[in-house]
Amino acid sequence: MASDEESLSVPVVCPTCETTTRVDLSAVAETVERHNERLHDGEDVAGVDPELRERIADLAAEDLQHLD
């Protein structure tokens, strides 16, 4: 796990702009929203890398099954 001095970064992908960048975890929502507002008229085009989103969803589902 990262220390306080290190920040976790998340890959953000915009297929329309054909760009991928890493953003501090604490700034992901704001950065994606700002990008989409500025460049895509507010449409949800850019977002967290789909592979990472899927992996997080899988891990969450596994955790929920263990709680039952």
PDB file of N, CA and C in Angstrom:
ATOM      1  N   MET A   1       0.837  -1.174   0.000  1.00  0.00           N
ATOM      2  CA  MET A   1       0.000   0.000   0.000  1.00  0.00           C
ATOM      3  C   MET A   1       0.884   1.240   0.000  1.00  0.00           C
ATOM      4  N   ALA A   2       0.392   2.303  -0.604  1.00  0.00           N
ATOM      5  CA  ALA A   2       1.186   3.528  -0.712  1.00  0.00           C
ATOM      6  C   ALA A   2       1.206   4.269   0.613  1.00  0.00           C
ATOM      7  N   SER A   3       2.324   4.904   0.873  1.00  0.00           N
ATOM      8  CA  SER A   3       2.428   5.731   2.068  1.00  0.00           C
ATOM      9  C   SER A   3       1.746   7.062   1.810  1.00  0.00           C
ATOM     10  N   ASP A   4       1.665   7.903   2.862  1.00  0.00           N
ATOM     11  CA  ASP A   4       1.054   9.215   2.703  1.00  0.00           C
ATOM     12  C   ASP A   4       1.796  10.057   1.674  1.00  0.00           C
ATOM     13  N   GLU A   5       3.096   9.845   1.542  1.00  0.00           N
ATOM     14  CA  GLU A   5       3.880  10.626   0.596  1.00  0.00           C
ATOM     15  C   GLU A   5       3.672  10.164  -0.840  1.00  0.00           C
ATOM     16  N   GLU A   6       3.265   8.935  -1.017  1.00  0.00           N
ATOM     17  CA  GLU A   6       2.993   8.408  -2.343  1.00  0.00           C
ATOM     18  C   GLU A   6       1.503   8.524  -2.597  1.00  0.00           C
ATOM     19  N   SER A   7       1.120   8.818  -3.825  1.00  0.00           N
ATOM     20  CA  SER A   7      -0.294   8.832  -4.142  1.00  0.00           C
ATOM     21  C   SER A   7      -0.593   7.685  -5.091  1.00  0.00           C
ATOM     22  N   LEU A   8      -1.771   7.129  -4.929  1.00  0.00           N
ATOM     23  CA  LEU A   8      -2.201   6.068  -5.829  1.00  0.00           C
ATOM     24  C   LEU A   8      -2.740   6.714  -7.092  1.00  0.00           C
ATOM     25  N   SER A   9      -2.364   6.193  -8.227  1.00  0.00           N
ATOM     26  CA  SER A   9      -2.879   6.737  -9.472  1.00  0.00           C
ATOM     27  C   SER A   9      -3.704   5.681 -10.189  1.00  0.00           C
ATOM     28  N   VAL A  10      -4.667   6.166 -10.937  1.00  0.00           N
ATOM     29  CA  VAL A  10      -5.628   5.313 -11.625  1.00  0.00           C
ATOM     30  C   VAL A  10      -5.562   5.637 -13.111  1.00  0.00           C
ATOM     31  N   PRO A  11      -5.562   4.611 -13.974  1.00  0.00           N
ATOM     32  CA  PRO A  11      -5.568   4.894 -15.410  1.00  0.00           C
ATOM     33  C   PRO A  11      -6.942   5.384 -15.862  1.00  0.00           C
ATOM     34  N   VAL A  12      -6.945   6.501 -16.574  1.00  0.00           N
ATOM     35  CA  VAL A  12      -8.168   7.067 -17.132  1.00  0.00           C
ATOM     36  C   VAL A  12      -8.028   7.039 -18.647  1.00  0.00           C
ATOM     37  N   VAL A  13      -9.064   6.543 -19.303  1.00  0.00           N
ATOM     38  CA  VAL A  13      -9.037   6.335 -20.748  1.00  0.00           C
ATOM     39  C   VAL A  13     -10.140   7.162 -21.401  1.00  0.00           C
ATOM     40  N   CYS A  14      -9.796   7.781 -22.523  1.00  0.00           N
ATOM     41  CA  CYS A  14     -10.798   8.454 -23.345  1.00  0.00           C
ATOM     42  C   CYS A  14     -10.677   7.887 -24.759  1.00  0.00           C
ATOM     43  N   PRO A  15     -11.597   7.000 -25.121  1.00  0.00           N
ATOM     44  CA  PRO A  15     -11.501   6.396 -26.455  1.00  0.00           C
ATOM     45  C   PRO A  15     -11.702   7.400 -27.593  1.00  0.00           C
ATOM     46  N   THR A  16     -12.491   8.418 -27.372  1.00  0.00           N
ATOM     47  CA  THR A  16     -12.726   9.414 -28.420  1.00  0.00           C
ATOM     48  C   THR A  16     -11.474  10.235 -28.693  1.00  0.00           C
ATOM     49  N   CYS A  17     -10.805  10.644 -27.622  1.00  0.00           N
ATOM     50  CA  CYS A  17      -9.570  11.435 -27.763  1.00  0.00           C
ATOM     51  C   CYS A  17      -8.357  10.535 -28.013  1.00  0.00           C
ATOM     52  N   GLU A  18      -8.559   9.223 -27.865  1.00  0.00           N
ATOM     53  CA  GLU A  18      -7.484   8.242 -27.997  1.00  0.00           C
ATOM     54  C   GLU A  18      -6.338   8.544 -27.036  1.00  0.00           C
ATOM     55  N   THR A  19      -6.709   8.823 -25.769  1.00  0.00           N
ATOM     56  CA  THR A  19      -5.709   9.121 -24.750  1.00  0.00           C
ATOM     57  C   THR A  19      -5.901   8.238 -23.528  1.00  0.00           C
ATOM     58  N   THR A  20      -4.797   8.002 -22.850  1.00  0.00           N
ATOM     59  CA  THR A  20      -4.784   7.330 -21.561  1.00  0.00           C
ATOM     60  C   THR A  20      -3.827   8.103 -20.679  1.00  0.00           C
ATOM     61  N   THR A  21      -4.246   8.350 -19.460  1.00  0.00           N
ATOM     62  CA  THR A  21      -3.399   9.065 -18.512  1.00  0.00           C
ATOM     63  C   THR A  21      -3.613   8.472 -17.134  1.00  0.00           C
ATOM     64  N   ARG A  22      -2.694   8.740 -16.230  1.00  0.00           N
ATOM     65  CA  ARG A  22      -2.848   8.298 -14.847  1.00  0.00           C
ATOM     66  C   ARG A  22      -3.169   9.512 -14.002  1.00  0.00           C
ATOM     67  N   VAL A  23      -4.154   9.358 -13.129  1.00  0.00           N
ATOM     68  CA  VAL A  23      -4.647  10.453 -12.304  1.00  0.00           C
ATOM     69  C   VAL A  23      -4.631  10.001 -10.854  1.00  0.00           C
ATOM     70  N   ASP A  24      -4.274  10.907  -9.949  1.00  0.00           N
ATOM     71  CA  ASP A  24      -4.333  10.577  -8.530  1.00  0.00           C
ATOM     72  C   ASP A  24      -5.736  10.098  -8.178  1.00  0.00           C
ATOM     73  N   LEU A  25      -5.807   9.058  -7.378  1.00  0.00           N
ATOM     74  CA  LEU A  25      -7.087   8.474  -6.995  1.00  0.00           C
ATOM     75  C   LEU A  25      -8.031   9.533  -6.434  1.00  0.00           C
ATOM     76  N   SER A  26      -7.506  10.429  -5.635  1.00  0.00           N
ATOM     77  CA  SER A  26      -8.348  11.450  -5.012  1.00  0.00           C
ATOM     78  C   SER A  26      -8.930  12.437  -6.015  1.00  0.00           C
ATOM     79  N   ALA A  27      -8.389  12.499  -7.225  1.00  0.00           N
ATOM     80  CA  ALA A  27      -8.840  13.472  -8.219  1.00  0.00           C
ATOM     81  C   ALA A  27      -9.542  12.837  -9.412  1.00  0.00           C
ATOM     82  N   VAL A  28      -9.754  11.532  -9.390  1.00  0.00           N
ATOM     83  CA  VAL A  28     -10.315  10.852 -10.567  1.00  0.00           C
ATOM     84  C   VAL A  28     -11.683  11.397 -10.944  1.00  0.00           C
ATOM     85  N   ALA A  29     -12.612  11.428 -10.016  1.00  0.00           N
ATOM     86  CA  ALA A  29     -13.981  11.851 -10.342  1.00  0.00           C
ATOM     87  C   ALA A  29     -14.000  13.260 -10.917  1.00  0.00           C
ATOM     88  N   GLU A  30     -13.317  14.182 -10.264  1.00  0.00           N
ATOM     89  CA  GLU A  30     -13.295  15.567 -10.718  1.00  0.00           C
ATOM     90  C   GLU A  30     -12.622  15.693 -12.090  1.00  0.00           C
ATOM     91  N   THR A  31     -11.522  14.985 -12.282  1.00  0.00           N
ATOM     92  CA  THR A  31     -10.777  15.066 -13.549  1.00  0.00           C
ATOM     93  C   THR A  31     -11.605  14.519 -14.705  1.00  0.00           C
ATOM     94  N   VAL A  32     -12.233  13.375 -14.497  1.00  0.00           N
ATOM     95  CA  VAL A  32     -13.053  12.767 -15.557  1.00  0.00           C
ATOM     96  C   VAL A  32     -14.243  13.670 -15.879  1.00  0.00           C
ATOM     97  N   GLU A  33     -14.897  14.180 -14.855  1.00  0.00           N
ATOM     98  CA  GLU A  33     -16.042  15.062 -15.079  1.00  0.00           C
ATOM     99  C   GLU A  33     -15.629  16.309 -15.850  1.00  0.00           C
ATOM    100  N   ARG A  34     -14.524  16.917 -15.444  1.00  0.00           N
ATOM    101  CA  ARG A  34     -14.034  18.130 -16.112  1.00  0.00           C
ATOM    102  C   ARG A  34     -13.692  17.838 -17.582  1.00  0.00           C
ATOM    103  N   HIS A  35     -13.017  16.727 -17.835  1.00  0.00           N
ATOM    104  CA  HIS A  35     -12.653  16.344 -19.211  1.00  0.00           C
ATOM    105  C   HIS A  35     -13.917  16.171 -20.057  1.00  0.00           C
ATOM    106  N   ASN A  36     -14.860  15.406 -19.525  1.00  0.00           N
ATOM    107  CA  ASN A  36     -16.076  15.142 -20.292  1.00  0.00           C
ATOM    108  C   ASN A  36     -16.894  16.408 -20.529  1.00  0.00           C
ATOM    109  N   GLU A  37     -16.956  17.300 -19.533  1.00  0.00           N
ATOM    110  CA  GLU A  37     -17.676  18.560 -19.706  1.00  0.00           C
ATOM    111  C   GLU A  37     -17.002  19.427 -20.768  1.00  0.00           C
ATOM    112  N   ARG A  38     -15.692  19.523 -20.687  1.00  0.00           N
ATOM    113  CA  ARG A  38     -14.940  20.413 -21.572  1.00  0.00           C
ATOM    114  C   ARG A  38     -14.878  19.904 -23.016  1.00  0.00           C
ATOM    115  N   LEU A  39     -14.694  18.604 -23.176  1.00  0.00           N
ATOM    116  CA  LEU A  39     -14.430  18.080 -24.520  1.00  0.00           C
ATOM    117  C   LEU A  39     -15.577  17.277 -25.139  1.00  0.00           C
ATOM    118  N   HIS A  40     -16.524  16.832 -24.323  1.00  0.00           N
ATOM    119  CA  HIS A  40     -17.563  15.932 -24.852  1.00  0.00           C
ATOM    120  C   HIS A  40     -18.973  16.360 -24.450  1.00  0.00           C
ATOM    121  N   ASP A  41     -19.156  17.671 -24.218  1.00  0.00           N
ATOM    122  CA  ASP A  41     -20.466  18.221 -23.877  1.00  0.00           C
ATOM    123  C   ASP A  41     -21.141  17.481 -22.726  1.00  0.00           C
ATOM    124  N   GLY A  42     -20.344  17.007 -21.770  1.00  0.00           N
ATOM    125  CA  GLY A  42     -20.881  16.356 -20.587  1.00  0.00           C
ATOM    126  C   GLY A  42     -21.189  14.878 -20.732  1.00  0.00           C
ATOM    127  N   GLU A  43     -21.037  14.329 -21.926  1.00  0.00           N
ATOM    128  CA  GLU A  43     -21.280  12.895 -22.120  1.00  0.00           C
ATOM    129  C   GLU A  43     -20.222  12.090 -21.379  1.00  0.00           C
ATOM    130  N   ASP A  44     -20.603  10.925 -20.860  1.00  0.00           N
ATOM    131  CA  ASP A  44     -19.664  10.041 -20.161  1.00  0.00           C
ATOM    132  C   ASP A  44     -18.824   9.274 -21.174  1.00  0.00           C
ATOM    133  N   VAL A  45     -17.799   9.932 -21.669  1.00  0.00           N
ATOM    134  CA  VAL A  45     -16.916   9.312 -22.659  1.00  0.00           C
ATOM    135  C   VAL A  45     -15.654   8.791 -21.977  1.00  0.00           C
ATOM    136  N   ALA A  46     -14.948   9.671 -21.285  1.00  0.00           N
ATOM    137  CA  ALA A  46     -13.730   9.265 -20.569  1.00  0.00           C
ATOM    138  C   ALA A  46     -14.128   8.623 -19.247  1.00  0.00           C
ATOM    139  N   GLY A  47     -13.262   7.746 -18.757  1.00  0.00           N
ATOM    140  CA  GLY A  47     -13.516   7.115 -17.470  1.00  0.00           C
ATOM    141  C   GLY A  47     -12.347   6.250 -17.057  1.00  0.00           C
ATOM    142  N   VAL A  48     -12.492   5.651 -15.898  1.00  0.00           N
ATOM    143  CA  VAL A  48     -11.468   4.736 -15.393  1.00  0.00           C
ATOM    144  C   VAL A  48     -11.326   3.589 -16.385  1.00  0.00           C
ATOM    145  N   ASP A  49     -10.114   3.138 -16.578  1.00  0.00           N
ATOM    146  CA  ASP A  49      -9.823   2.040 -17.504  1.00  0.00           C
ATOM    147  C   ASP A  49     -10.838   0.914 -17.298  1.00  0.00           C
ATOM    148  N   PRO A  50     -11.512   0.486 -18.366  1.00  0.00           N
ATOM    149  CA  PRO A  50     -12.545  -0.549 -18.239  1.00  0.00           C
ATOM    150  C   PRO A  50     -12.049  -1.855 -17.610  1.00  0.00           C
ATOM    151  N   GLU A  51     -10.825  -2.246 -17.884  1.00  0.00           N
ATOM    152  CA  GLU A  51     -10.297  -3.483 -17.288  1.00  0.00           C
ATOM    153  C   GLU A  51     -10.168  -3.337 -15.777  1.00  0.00           C
ATOM    154  N   LEU A  52      -9.736  -2.172 -15.317  1.00  0.00           N
ATOM    155  CA  LEU A  52      -9.624  -1.930 -13.881  1.00  0.00           C
ATOM    156  C   LEU A  52     -11.007  -1.887 -13.241  1.00  0.00           C
ATOM    157  N   ARG A  53     -11.960  -1.210 -13.883  1.00  0.00           N
ATOM    158  CA  ARG A  53     -13.335  -1.170 -13.355  1.00  0.00           C
ATOM    159  C   ARG A  53     -13.898  -2.573 -13.202  1.00  0.00           C
ATOM    160  N   GLU A  54     -13.683  -3.406 -14.209  1.00  0.00           N
ATOM    161  CA  GLU A  54     -14.194  -4.780 -14.170  1.00  0.00           C
ATOM    162  C   GLU A  54     -13.544  -5.576 -13.043  1.00  0.00           C
ATOM    163  N   ARG A  55     -12.250  -5.422 -12.877  1.00  0.00           N
ATOM    164  CA  ARG A  55     -11.526  -6.141 -11.812  1.00  0.00           C
ATOM    165  C   ARG A  55     -12.016  -5.709 -10.431  1.00  0.00           C
ATOM    166  N   ILE A  56     -12.214  -4.420 -10.250  1.00  0.00           N
ATOM    167  CA  ILE A  56     -12.731  -3.923  -8.967  1.00  0.00           C
ATOM    168  C   ILE A  56     -14.128  -4.476  -8.712  1.00  0.00           C
ATOM    169  N   ALA A  57     -14.969  -4.488  -9.736  1.00  0.00           N
ATOM    170  CA  ALA A  57     -16.325  -5.037  -9.588  1.00  0.00           C
ATOM    171  C   ALA A  57     -16.273  -6.514  -9.211  1.00  0.00           C
ATOM    172  N   ASP A  58     -15.371  -7.275  -9.839  1.00  0.00           N
ATOM    173  CA  ASP A  58     -15.218  -8.696  -9.510  1.00  0.00           C
ATOM    174  C   ASP A  58     -14.790  -8.885  -8.060  1.00  0.00           C
ATOM    175  N   LEU A  59     -13.829  -8.082  -7.608  1.00  0.00           N
ATOM    176  CA  LEU A  59     -13.355  -8.184  -6.226  1.00  0.00           C
ATOM    177  C   LEU A  59     -14.466  -7.833  -5.239  1.00  0.00           C
ATOM    178  N   ALA A  60     -15.228  -6.805  -5.560  1.00  0.00           N
ATOM    179  CA  ALA A  60     -16.340  -6.411  -4.686  1.00  0.00           C
ATOM    180  C   ALA A  60     -17.383  -7.518  -4.616  1.00  0.00           C
ATOM    181  N   ALA A  61     -17.688  -8.129  -5.757  1.00  0.00           N
ATOM    182  CA  ALA A  61     -18.666  -9.218  -5.781  1.00  0.00           C
ATOM    183  C   ALA A  61     -18.177 -10.402  -4.948  1.00  0.00           C
ATOM    184  N   GLU A  62     -16.900 -10.723  -5.061  1.00  0.00           N
ATOM    185  CA  GLU A  62     -16.333 -11.809  -4.260  1.00  0.00           C
ATOM    186  C   GLU A  62     -16.449 -11.493  -2.775  1.00  0.00           C
ATOM    187  N   ASP A  63     -16.131 -10.267  -2.399  1.00  0.00           N
ATOM    188  CA  ASP A  63     -16.225  -9.866  -0.991  1.00  0.00           C
ATOM    189  C   ASP A  63     -17.646  -9.965  -0.484  1.00  0.00           C
ATOM    190  N   LEU A  64     -18.621  -9.550  -1.294  1.00  0.00           N
ATOM    191  CA  LEU A  64     -20.021  -9.614  -0.880  1.00  0.00           C
ATOM    192  C   LEU A  64     -20.474 -11.056  -0.699  1.00  0.00           C
ATOM    193  N   GLN A  65     -19.980 -11.958  -1.513  1.00  0.00           N
ATOM    194  CA  GLN A  65     -20.341 -13.368  -1.363  1.00  0.00           C
ATOM    195  C   GLN A  65     -19.791 -13.926  -0.069  1.00  0.00           C
ATOM    196  N   HIS A  66     -18.627 -13.466   0.353  1.00  0.00           N
ATOM    197  CA  HIS A  66     -18.036 -13.937   1.596  1.00  0.00           C
ATOM    198  C   HIS A  66     -18.782 -13.404   2.808  1.00  0.00           C
ATOM    199  N   LEU A  67     -19.538 -12.334   2.653  1.00  0.00           N
ATOM    200  CA  LEU A  67     -20.287 -11.763   3.760  1.00  0.00           C
ATOM    201  C   LEU A  67     -21.593 -12.501   4.021  1.00  0.00           C
ATOM    202  N   ASP A  68     -22.080 -13.239   3.030  1.00  0.00           N
ATOM    203  CA  ASP A  68     -23.341 -13.973   3.185  1.00  0.00           C
ATOM    204  C   ASP A  68     -23.224 -15.115   4.146  1.00  0.00           C
TER     205      ASP A  68
END
